Amino acid sequence: VQRVRRDNGVVNFSGTVDFAPTRVVVPGPTGFPPNRAAPGAVGDSVYSPLITTGNGIVLNASQVMNSSGRHDSITNIDVNAKRVTLSMFAGFYNGKDILYLHQEGSTALLAALEGSTFAPNLNAAPGIGSNDKDTSARSAIIPVVNGPRGRNNPERQGLQSALLGQGDPLNVTQETPGSNRYSPVWDVHLVEWTNAAIAAGEREQLTSESEIANAVQKGFVLRGGPGPANEKLGGLRAAGFISNCPVVAQF
């Protein structure tokens, strides 16, 4: 969390973002993993979108523009009116459609893929592999690596599909606003369909925590990461990095 100072309603940040780099994402043969990837915005050693004045309240205050340039998710900005229009990603929560922002990632690869700011300090958030409301600042997001592909396929999903230009990855979130376990500080948990599950015709679009847990327990999906096992996701292991993605709509 970045400590800030407020003077007459103006927030003075100690950390900042360099928006000058050019974002680079060159898809690989199957889309993901990419052949090349570099973020278009990089936070300095102090930067975090999570800020506090020391009053016990933490705000999610992503920087989106300064003299070096602007965030890659901006589609329109009116500086005088202080109004910014940001692109969003579509995803799923509990079988329902959601829309969320993509603001920061704690690894360079993730930030490049999302078009967000590389902010490694985010990974200091406690609670990896857990969204316990008393001990964790994180809640899981589950990207599917190799879901069904095809732009017009109603079951389409996944990082491979997204990097091939077929649409959003359609990630699955563990919570949404309204839950006392919700956090926009997403604890990434990657899943990948096994060759055996694909050959058996088991691969499908996943839209909820329970569907993912079921697929993990049946051995249809693997991967995870080096982090702790998440019992709510059938024991799927956390990847060990974070995406800051506030949910703004559910329908």
C-alpha atoms as a PDB file:
ATOM      1  CA  VAL A   1       0.000   0.000   0.000  1.00  0.00           C
ATOM      2  CA  GLN A   2       1.381   3.396  -1.014  1.00  0.00           C
ATOM      3  CA  ARG A   3       1.337   6.104   1.642  1.00  0.00           C
ATOM      4  CA  VAL A   4       0.025   9.399   0.232  1.00  0.00           C
ATOM      5  CA  ARG A   5      -0.591  12.920   1.464  1.00  0.00           C
ATOM      6  CA  ARG A   6      -3.751  14.953   0.869  1.00  0.00           C
ATOM      7  CA  ASP A   7      -3.457  18.721   0.630  1.00  0.00           C
ATOM      8  CA  ASN A   8      -6.678  20.680   0.099  1.00  0.00           C
ATOM      9  CA  GLY A   9      -8.330  17.668  -1.491  1.00  0.00           C
ATOM     10  CA  VAL A  10      -5.397  16.931  -3.813  1.00  0.00           C
ATOM     11  CA  VAL A  11      -3.641  13.564  -3.445  1.00  0.00           C
ATOM     12  CA  ASN A  12       0.156  13.766  -3.538  1.00  0.00           C
ATOM     13  CA  PHE A  13       1.591  10.391  -4.539  1.00  0.00           C
ATOM     14  CA  SER A  14       5.051   9.248  -3.556  1.00  0.00           C
ATOM     15  CA  GLY A  15       5.151   6.744  -6.431  1.00  0.00           C
ATOM     16  CA  THR A  16       4.384   7.223 -10.103  1.00  0.00           C
ATOM     17  CA  VAL A  17       3.999   5.432 -13.445  1.00  0.00           C
ATOM     18  CA  ASP A  18       5.976   5.673 -16.679  1.00  0.00           C
ATOM     19  CA  PHE A  19       3.386   5.440 -19.475  1.00  0.00           C
ATOM     20  CA  ALA A  20       5.955   6.020 -22.230  1.00  0.00           C
ATOM     21  CA  PRO A  21       6.848   2.388 -23.122  1.00  0.00           C
ATOM     22  CA  THR A  22       5.153   0.803 -26.123  1.00  0.00           C
ATOM     23  CA  ARG A  23       3.060  -2.212 -25.239  1.00  0.00           C
ATOM     24  CA  VAL A  24       4.132  -5.310 -27.164  1.00  0.00           C
ATOM     25  CA  VAL A  25       2.195  -8.573 -27.444  1.00  0.00           C
ATOM     26  CA  VAL A  26       3.188 -11.013 -30.209  1.00  0.00           C
ATOM     27  CA  PRO A  27       1.047 -14.174 -30.091  1.00  0.00           C
ATOM     28  CA  GLY A  28       2.687 -17.569 -30.192  1.00  0.00           C
ATOM     29  CA  PRO A  29       1.628 -20.415 -32.518  1.00  0.00           C
ATOM     30  CA  THR A  30      -1.407 -21.159 -30.313  1.00  0.00           C
ATOM     31  CA  GLY A  31      -1.814 -17.590 -29.111  1.00  0.00           C
ATOM     32  CA  PHE A  32      -0.681 -18.200 -25.538  1.00  0.00           C
ATOM     33  CA  PRO A  33       2.091 -18.202 -24.487  1.00  0.00           C
ATOM     34  CA  PRO A  34       3.098 -15.187 -26.562  1.00  0.00           C
ATOM     35  CA  ASN A  35       6.361 -15.064 -28.459  1.00  0.00           C
ATOM     36  CA  ARG A  36       6.994 -11.568 -27.076  1.00  0.00           C
ATOM     37  CA  ALA A  37       5.295  -9.462 -24.434  1.00  0.00           C
ATOM     38  CA  ALA A  38       6.190  -6.162 -22.771  1.00  0.00           C
ATOM     39  CA  PRO A  39       3.926  -3.848 -20.726  1.00  0.00           C
ATOM     40  CA  GLY A  40       3.066  -0.379 -21.958  1.00  0.00           C
ATOM     41  CA  ALA A  41       3.201   1.184 -18.485  1.00  0.00           C
ATOM     42  CA  VAL A  42       5.594   0.548 -15.585  1.00  0.00           C
ATOM     43  CA  GLY A  43       5.230   1.665 -11.982  1.00  0.00           C
ATOM     44  CA  ASP A  44       8.317   2.814 -10.105  1.00  0.00           C
ATOM     45  CA  SER A  45       9.709   1.165  -6.985  1.00  0.00           C
ATOM     46  CA  VAL A  46       7.176   2.913  -4.746  1.00  0.00           C
ATOM     47  CA  TYR A  47       4.054   2.773  -6.902  1.00  0.00           C
ATOM     48  CA  SER A  48       0.925   0.897  -5.902  1.00  0.00           C
ATOM     49  CA  PRO A  49      -2.692   1.657  -6.859  1.00  0.00           C
ATOM     50  CA  LEU A  50      -3.648   0.855  -3.267  1.00  0.00           C
ATOM     51  CA  ILE A  51      -3.204   4.048  -1.253  1.00  0.00           C
ATOM     52  CA  THR A  52      -3.745   5.301   2.291  1.00  0.00           C
ATOM     53  CA  THR A  53      -3.224   8.505   4.235  1.00  0.00           C
ATOM     54  CA  GLY A  54      -2.677   6.405   7.338  1.00  0.00           C
ATOM     55  CA  ASN A  55      -6.259   6.668   8.576  1.00  0.00           C
ATOM     56  CA  GLY A  56      -6.928   2.927   8.299  1.00  0.00           C
ATOM     57  CA  ILE A  57      -8.759   3.261   4.963  1.00  0.00           C
ATOM     58  CA  VAL A  58      -7.247   1.844   1.764  1.00  0.00           C
ATOM     59  CA  LEU A  59      -8.429   3.211  -1.585  1.00  0.00           C
ATOM     60  CA  ASN A  60      -7.945   1.682  -5.040  1.00  0.00           C
ATOM     61  CA  ALA A  61      -6.594   4.701  -6.920  1.00  0.00           C
ATOM     62  CA  SER A  62      -4.904   3.669 -10.164  1.00  0.00           C
ATOM     63  CA  GLN A  63      -2.934   6.367 -11.960  1.00  0.00           C
ATOM     64  CA  VAL A  64      -4.084   6.590 -15.581  1.00  0.00           C
ATOM     65  CA  MET A  65      -2.315   9.652 -17.020  1.00  0.00           C
ATOM     66  CA  ASN A  66       0.635  11.966 -16.406  1.00  0.00           C
ATOM     67  CA  SER A  67       3.254  13.879 -18.390  1.00  0.00           C
ATOM     68  CA  SER A  68       4.763  10.608 -19.688  1.00  0.00           C
ATOM     69  CA  GLY A  69       1.555   9.438 -21.381  1.00  0.00           C
ATOM     70  CA  ARG A  70      -1.585   7.541 -20.486  1.00  0.00           C
ATOM     71  CA  HIS A  71      -2.868   4.095 -19.531  1.00  0.00           C
ATOM     72  CA  ASP A  72      -3.402   1.663 -22.401  1.00  0.00           C
ATOM     73  CA  SER A  73      -6.998   0.957 -21.355  1.00  0.00           C
ATOM     74  CA  ILE A  74      -8.093   4.588 -21.889  1.00  0.00           C
ATOM     75  CA  THR A  75     -10.458   5.025 -24.836  1.00  0.00           C
ATOM     76  CA  ASN A  76     -11.297   8.677 -24.133  1.00  0.00           C
ATOM     77  CA  ILE A  77     -10.232  11.309 -21.636  1.00  0.00           C
ATOM     78  CA  ASP A  78     -11.524  14.808 -20.869  1.00  0.00           C
ATOM     79  CA  VAL A  79      -8.884  16.414 -18.661  1.00  0.00           C
ATOM     80  CA  ASN A  80     -10.926  19.538 -17.945  1.00  0.00           C
ATOM     81  CA  ALA A  81     -13.969  17.548 -16.820  1.00  0.00           C
ATOM     82  CA  LYS A  82     -11.743  14.967 -15.101  1.00  0.00           C
ATOM     83  CA  ARG A  83     -13.637  12.204 -16.863  1.00  0.00           C
ATOM     84  CA  VAL A  84     -11.968   9.059 -18.173  1.00  0.00           C
ATOM     85  CA  THR A  85     -13.467   6.278 -20.289  1.00  0.00           C
ATOM     86  CA  LEU A  86     -11.760   2.912 -19.856  1.00  0.00           C
ATOM     87  CA  SER A  87     -12.087  -0.331 -21.787  1.00  0.00           C
ATOM     88  CA  MET A  88     -13.311  -3.388 -19.879  1.00  0.00           C
ATOM     89  CA  PHE A  89     -13.090  -7.162 -20.066  1.00  0.00           C
ATOM     90  CA  ALA A  90     -16.067  -9.510 -20.015  1.00  0.00           C
ATOM     91  CA  GLY A  91     -15.979 -12.485 -17.644  1.00  0.00           C
ATOM     92  CA  PHE A  92     -18.079 -14.729 -15.446  1.00  0.00           C
ATOM     93  CA  TYR A  93     -19.114 -15.010 -11.826  1.00  0.00           C
ATOM     94  CA  ASN A  94     -21.322 -17.849 -10.601  1.00  0.00           C
ATOM     95  CA  GLY A  95     -22.668 -18.476 -14.098  1.00  0.00           C
ATOM     96  CA  LYS A  96     -23.459 -14.805 -14.734  1.00  0.00           C
ATOM     97  CA  ASP A  97     -21.796 -12.263 -17.032  1.00  0.00           C
ATOM     98  CA  ILE A  98     -19.649  -9.530 -15.503  1.00  0.00           C
ATOM     99  CA  LEU A  99     -17.582  -6.602 -16.758  1.00  0.00           C
ATOM    100  CA  TYR A 100     -14.393  -5.470 -15.056  1.00  0.00           C
ATOM    101  CA  LEU A 101     -11.557  -2.982 -15.479  1.00  0.00           C
ATOM    102  CA  HIS A 102      -7.936  -4.021 -16.034  1.00  0.00           C
ATOM    103  CA  GLN A 103      -5.673  -1.599 -14.202  1.00  0.00           C
ATOM    104  CA  GLU A 104      -2.483  -3.242 -12.864  1.00  0.00           C
ATOM    105  CA  GLY A 105      -0.655  -6.559 -12.925  1.00  0.00           C
ATOM    106  CA  SER A 106       2.148  -7.639 -10.610  1.00  0.00           C
ATOM    107  CA  THR A 107       4.114  -9.394 -13.389  1.00  0.00           C
ATOM    108  CA  ALA A 108       5.304  -7.887 -16.663  1.00  0.00           C
ATOM    109  CA  LEU A 109       3.682 -10.662 -18.726  1.00  0.00           C
ATOM    110  CA  LEU A 110       0.286 -10.206 -17.095  1.00  0.00           C
ATOM    111  CA  ALA A 111       0.420  -6.412 -17.463  1.00  0.00           C
ATOM    112  CA  ALA A 112       1.318  -6.754 -21.138  1.00  0.00           C
ATOM    113  CA  LEU A 113      -1.513  -9.185 -21.840  1.00  0.00           C
ATOM    114  CA  GLU A 114      -4.086  -7.030 -20.042  1.00  0.00           C
ATOM    115  CA  GLY A 115      -2.872  -3.671 -21.311  1.00  0.00           C
ATOM    116  CA  SER A 116      -2.389  -2.633 -17.687  1.00  0.00           C
ATOM    117  CA  THR A 117       0.387  -1.122 -15.559  1.00  0.00           C
ATOM    118  CA  PHE A 118       3.207  -3.335 -14.309  1.00  0.00           C
ATOM    119  CA  ALA A 119       3.045  -2.839 -10.525  1.00  0.00           C
ATOM    120  CA  PRO A 120       5.044  -5.550  -8.703  1.00  0.00           C
ATOM    121  CA  ASN A 121       4.332  -4.048  -5.248  1.00  0.00           C
ATOM    122  CA  LEU A 122       0.763  -5.353  -5.529  1.00  0.00           C
ATOM    123  CA  ASN A 123       2.039  -8.854  -4.831  1.00  0.00           C
ATOM    124  CA  ALA A 124       2.694  -7.888  -1.208  1.00  0.00           C
ATOM    125  CA  ALA A 125      -1.060  -8.166  -0.568  1.00  0.00           C
ATOM    126  CA  PRO A 126      -1.656 -10.885   2.055  1.00  0.00           C
ATOM    127  CA  GLY A 127      -3.743 -14.005   1.647  1.00  0.00           C
ATOM    128  CA  ILE A 128      -2.406 -15.887  -1.376  1.00  0.00           C
ATOM    129  CA  GLY A 129      -4.581 -18.925  -2.123  1.00  0.00           C
ATOM    130  CA  SER A 130      -7.361 -17.683   0.172  1.00  0.00           C
ATOM    131  CA  ASN A 131     -10.136 -15.107   0.209  1.00  0.00           C
ATOM    132  CA  ASP A 132     -10.800 -15.338   3.934  1.00  0.00           C
ATOM    133  CA  LYS A 133     -12.463 -12.039   4.869  1.00  0.00           C
ATOM    134  CA  ASP A 134     -10.424 -11.699   8.072  1.00  0.00           C
ATOM    135  CA  THR A 135      -6.938 -12.524   6.795  1.00  0.00           C
ATOM    136  CA  SER A 136      -6.818 -12.064   3.025  1.00  0.00           C
ATOM    137  CA  ALA A 137      -6.772  -8.968   0.818  1.00  0.00           C
ATOM    138  CA  ARG A 138      -7.144 -11.210  -2.235  1.00  0.00           C
ATOM    139  CA  SER A 139      -9.895 -13.025  -4.084  1.00  0.00           C
ATOM    140  CA  ALA A 140      -9.305 -15.408  -6.971  1.00  0.00           C
ATOM    141  CA  ILE A 141      -9.576 -14.861 -10.695  1.00  0.00           C
ATOM    142  CA  ILE A 142      -9.252 -17.958 -12.852  1.00  0.00           C
ATOM    143  CA  PRO A 143      -7.992 -17.583 -16.439  1.00  0.00           C
ATOM    144  CA  VAL A 144      -8.430 -20.690 -18.584  1.00  0.00           C
ATOM    145  CA  VAL A 145      -5.339 -21.239 -20.743  1.00  0.00           C
ATOM    146  CA  ASN A 146      -6.717 -23.487 -23.492  1.00  0.00           C
ATOM    147  CA  GLY A 147     -10.504 -23.299 -23.504  1.00  0.00           C
ATOM    148  CA  PRO A 148     -12.601 -23.917 -26.616  1.00  0.00           C
ATOM    149  CA  ARG A 149     -11.570 -21.687 -29.517  1.00  0.00           C
ATOM    150  CA  GLY A 150     -13.399 -20.097 -32.432  1.00  0.00           C
ATOM    151  CA  ARG A 151     -14.710 -16.534 -32.715  1.00  0.00           C
ATOM    152  CA  ASN A 152     -18.295 -17.721 -33.266  1.00  0.00           C
ATOM    153  CA  ASN A 153     -18.119 -20.664 -30.874  1.00  0.00           C
ATOM    154  CA  PRO A 154     -20.628 -20.062 -28.022  1.00  0.00           C
ATOM    155  CA  GLU A 155     -18.356 -22.121 -25.729  1.00  0.00           C
ATOM    156  CA  ARG A 156     -15.283 -20.018 -26.563  1.00  0.00           C
ATOM    157  CA  GLN A 157     -12.948 -19.113 -23.689  1.00  0.00           C
ATOM    158  CA  GLY A 158      -9.299 -18.784 -22.805  1.00  0.00           C
ATOM    159  CA  LEU A 159      -5.961 -17.020 -23.122  1.00  0.00           C
ATOM    160  CA  GLN A 160      -5.119 -18.858 -26.349  1.00  0.00           C
ATOM    161  CA  SER A 161      -8.372 -17.678 -27.923  1.00  0.00           C
ATOM    162  CA  ALA A 162      -7.878 -14.108 -26.686  1.00  0.00           C
ATOM    163  CA  LEU A 163      -4.342 -13.784 -28.068  1.00  0.00           C
ATOM    164  CA  LEU A 164      -5.545 -15.173 -31.399  1.00  0.00           C
ATOM    165  CA  GLY A 165      -7.895 -12.183 -31.579  1.00  0.00           C
ATOM    166  CA  GLN A 166     -11.129 -14.086 -30.975  1.00  0.00           C
ATOM    167  CA  GLY A 167     -12.357 -11.985 -28.029  1.00  0.00           C
ATOM    168  CA  ASP A 168     -11.865 -11.468 -24.305  1.00  0.00           C
ATOM    169  CA  PRO A 169     -10.425 -14.388 -22.306  1.00  0.00           C
ATOM    170  CA  LEU A 170     -13.660 -14.662 -20.278  1.00  0.00           C
ATOM    171  CA  ASN A 171     -11.969 -15.274 -16.937  1.00  0.00           C
ATOM    172  CA  VAL A 172     -13.919 -16.500 -13.915  1.00  0.00           C
ATOM    173  CA  THR A 173     -13.975 -14.511 -10.659  1.00  0.00           C
ATOM    174  CA  GLN A 174     -14.453 -15.920  -7.173  1.00  0.00           C
ATOM    175  CA  GLU A 175     -16.454 -12.987  -5.761  1.00  0.00           C
ATOM    176  CA  THR A 176     -18.217  -9.798  -6.853  1.00  0.00           C
ATOM    177  CA  PRO A 177     -19.107  -6.556  -5.030  1.00  0.00           C
ATOM    178  CA  GLY A 178     -21.715  -7.088  -2.347  1.00  0.00           C
ATOM    179  CA  SER A 179     -19.867  -9.999  -0.762  1.00  0.00           C
ATOM    180  CA  ASN A 180     -17.782  -9.278   2.331  1.00  0.00           C
ATOM    181  CA  ARG A 181     -15.109 -11.478   0.750  1.00  0.00           C
ATOM    182  CA  TYR A 182     -14.885  -9.434  -2.449  1.00  0.00           C
ATOM    183  CA  SER A 183     -11.619  -7.783  -3.418  1.00  0.00           C
ATOM    184  CA  PRO A 184     -10.521  -6.302  -6.771  1.00  0.00           C
ATOM    185  CA  VAL A 185      -7.021  -7.521  -5.889  1.00  0.00           C
ATOM    186  CA  TRP A 186      -7.328 -10.712  -7.910  1.00  0.00           C
ATOM    187  CA  ASP A 187      -5.247 -13.714  -6.921  1.00  0.00           C
ATOM    188  CA  VAL A 188      -4.512 -15.372 -10.286  1.00  0.00           C
ATOM    189  CA  HIS A 189      -5.128 -19.148 -10.531  1.00  0.00           C
ATOM    190  CA  LEU A 190      -4.405 -20.536 -14.015  1.00  0.00           C
ATOM    191  CA  VAL A 191      -6.156 -23.678 -15.264  1.00  0.00           C
ATOM    192  CA  GLU A 192      -5.447 -25.765 -18.361  1.00  0.00           C
ATOM    193  CA  TRP A 193      -7.519 -28.563 -19.854  1.00  0.00           C
ATOM    194  CA  THR A 194      -5.645 -31.864 -20.081  1.00  0.00           C
ATOM    195  CA  ASN A 195      -5.170 -33.613 -23.410  1.00  0.00           C
ATOM    196  CA  ALA A 196      -7.160 -36.566 -22.061  1.00  0.00           C
ATOM    197  CA  ALA A 197     -10.119 -34.371 -21.110  1.00  0.00           C
ATOM    198  CA  ILE A 198     -10.078 -32.697 -24.517  1.00  0.00           C
ATOM    199  CA  ALA A 199      -9.917 -36.050 -26.319  1.00  0.00           C
ATOM    200  CA  ALA A 200     -12.841 -37.317 -24.222  1.00  0.00           C
ATOM    201  CA  GLY A 201     -14.966 -34.301 -25.179  1.00  0.00           C
ATOM    202  CA  GLU A 202     -15.079 -32.922 -21.629  1.00  0.00           C
ATOM    203  CA  ARG A 203     -13.750 -29.451 -22.462  1.00  0.00           C
ATOM    204  CA  GLU A 204     -16.369 -26.728 -22.114  1.00  0.00           C
ATOM    205  CA  GLN A 205     -16.777 -23.118 -21.101  1.00  0.00           C
ATOM    206  CA  LEU A 206     -16.317 -22.683 -17.332  1.00  0.00           C
ATOM    207  CA  THR A 207     -18.382 -19.939 -15.688  1.00  0.00           C
ATOM    208  CA  SER A 208     -18.264 -20.465 -11.922  1.00  0.00           C
ATOM    209  CA  GLU A 209     -16.105 -21.368  -8.943  1.00  0.00           C
ATOM    210  CA  SER A 210     -18.022 -24.633  -8.477  1.00  0.00           C
ATOM    211  CA  GLU A 211     -17.532 -25.715 -12.108  1.00  0.00           C
ATOM    212  CA  ILE A 212     -13.806 -25.091 -11.831  1.00  0.00           C
ATOM    213  CA  ALA A 213     -13.537 -26.956  -8.510  1.00  0.00           C
ATOM    214  CA  ASN A 214     -15.408 -29.889 -10.062  1.00  0.00           C
ATOM    215  CA  ALA A 215     -13.126 -29.955 -13.122  1.00  0.00           C
ATOM    216  CA  VAL A 216     -10.032 -29.832 -10.885  1.00  0.00           C
ATOM    217  CA  GLN A 217     -11.265 -32.663  -8.678  1.00  0.00           C
ATOM    218  CA  LYS A 218     -12.068 -34.828 -11.723  1.00  0.00           C
ATOM    219  CA  GLY A 219      -8.588 -34.219 -13.133  1.00  0.00           C
ATOM    220  CA  PHE A 220      -9.930 -32.515 -16.261  1.00  0.00           C
ATOM    221  CA  VAL A 221      -7.901 -29.347 -15.660  1.00  0.00           C
ATOM    222  CA  LEU A 222      -4.420 -28.869 -14.218  1.00  0.00           C
ATOM    223  CA  ARG A 223      -1.650 -26.263 -14.025  1.00  0.00           C
ATOM    224  CA  GLY A 224      -2.158 -24.015 -11.021  1.00  0.00           C
ATOM    225  CA  GLY A 225       1.113 -22.552  -9.754  1.00  0.00           C
ATOM    226  CA  PRO A 226       3.675 -22.553  -6.917  1.00  0.00           C
ATOM    227  CA  GLY A 227       1.344 -20.901  -4.406  1.00  0.00           C
ATOM    228  CA  PRO A 228      -0.848 -22.517  -1.741  1.00  0.00           C
ATOM    229  CA  ALA A 229      -3.767 -24.744  -2.681  1.00  0.00           C
ATOM    230  CA  ASN A 230      -7.116 -22.945  -2.761  1.00  0.00           C
ATOM    231  CA  GLU A 231      -9.643 -25.278  -1.134  1.00  0.00           C
ATOM    232  CA  LYS A 232     -12.563 -23.356  -2.656  1.00  0.00           C
ATOM    233  CA  LEU A 233     -11.203 -24.198  -6.112  1.00  0.00           C
ATOM    234  CA  GLY A 234     -10.768 -27.916  -5.553  1.00  0.00           C
ATOM    235  CA  GLY A 235      -7.167 -27.525  -4.399  1.00  0.00           C
ATOM    236  CA  LEU A 236      -6.029 -25.510  -7.423  1.00  0.00           C
ATOM    237  CA  ARG A 237      -2.795 -23.707  -6.548  1.00  0.00           C
ATOM    238  CA  ALA A 238      -2.367 -19.947  -6.818  1.00  0.00           C
ATOM    239  CA  ALA A 239      -0.027 -18.712  -9.534  1.00  0.00           C
ATOM    240  CA  GLY A 240       1.632 -16.240  -7.169  1.00  0.00           C
ATOM    241  CA  PHE A 241       0.791 -12.941  -8.857  1.00  0.00           C
ATOM    242  CA  ILE A 242      -1.997 -10.364  -8.863  1.00  0.00           C
ATOM    243  CA  SER A 243      -4.266  -8.517 -11.261  1.00  0.00           C
ATOM    244  CA  ASN A 244      -6.051  -5.372 -10.055  1.00  0.00           C
ATOM    245  CA  CYS A 245      -9.442  -5.618 -11.797  1.00  0.00           C
ATOM    246  CA  PRO A 246     -12.452  -3.945 -10.146  1.00  0.00           C
ATOM    247  CA  VAL A 247     -15.789  -5.433 -11.208  1.00  0.00           C
ATOM    248  CA  VAL A 248     -18.142  -2.690 -12.405  1.00  0.00           C
ATOM    249  CA  ALA A 249     -21.191  -4.594 -13.705  1.00  0.00           C
ATOM    250  CA  GLN A 250     -22.981  -7.939 -13.328  1.00  0.00           C
ATOM    251  CA  PHE A 251     -25.941  -9.036 -15.408  1.00  0.00           C
END
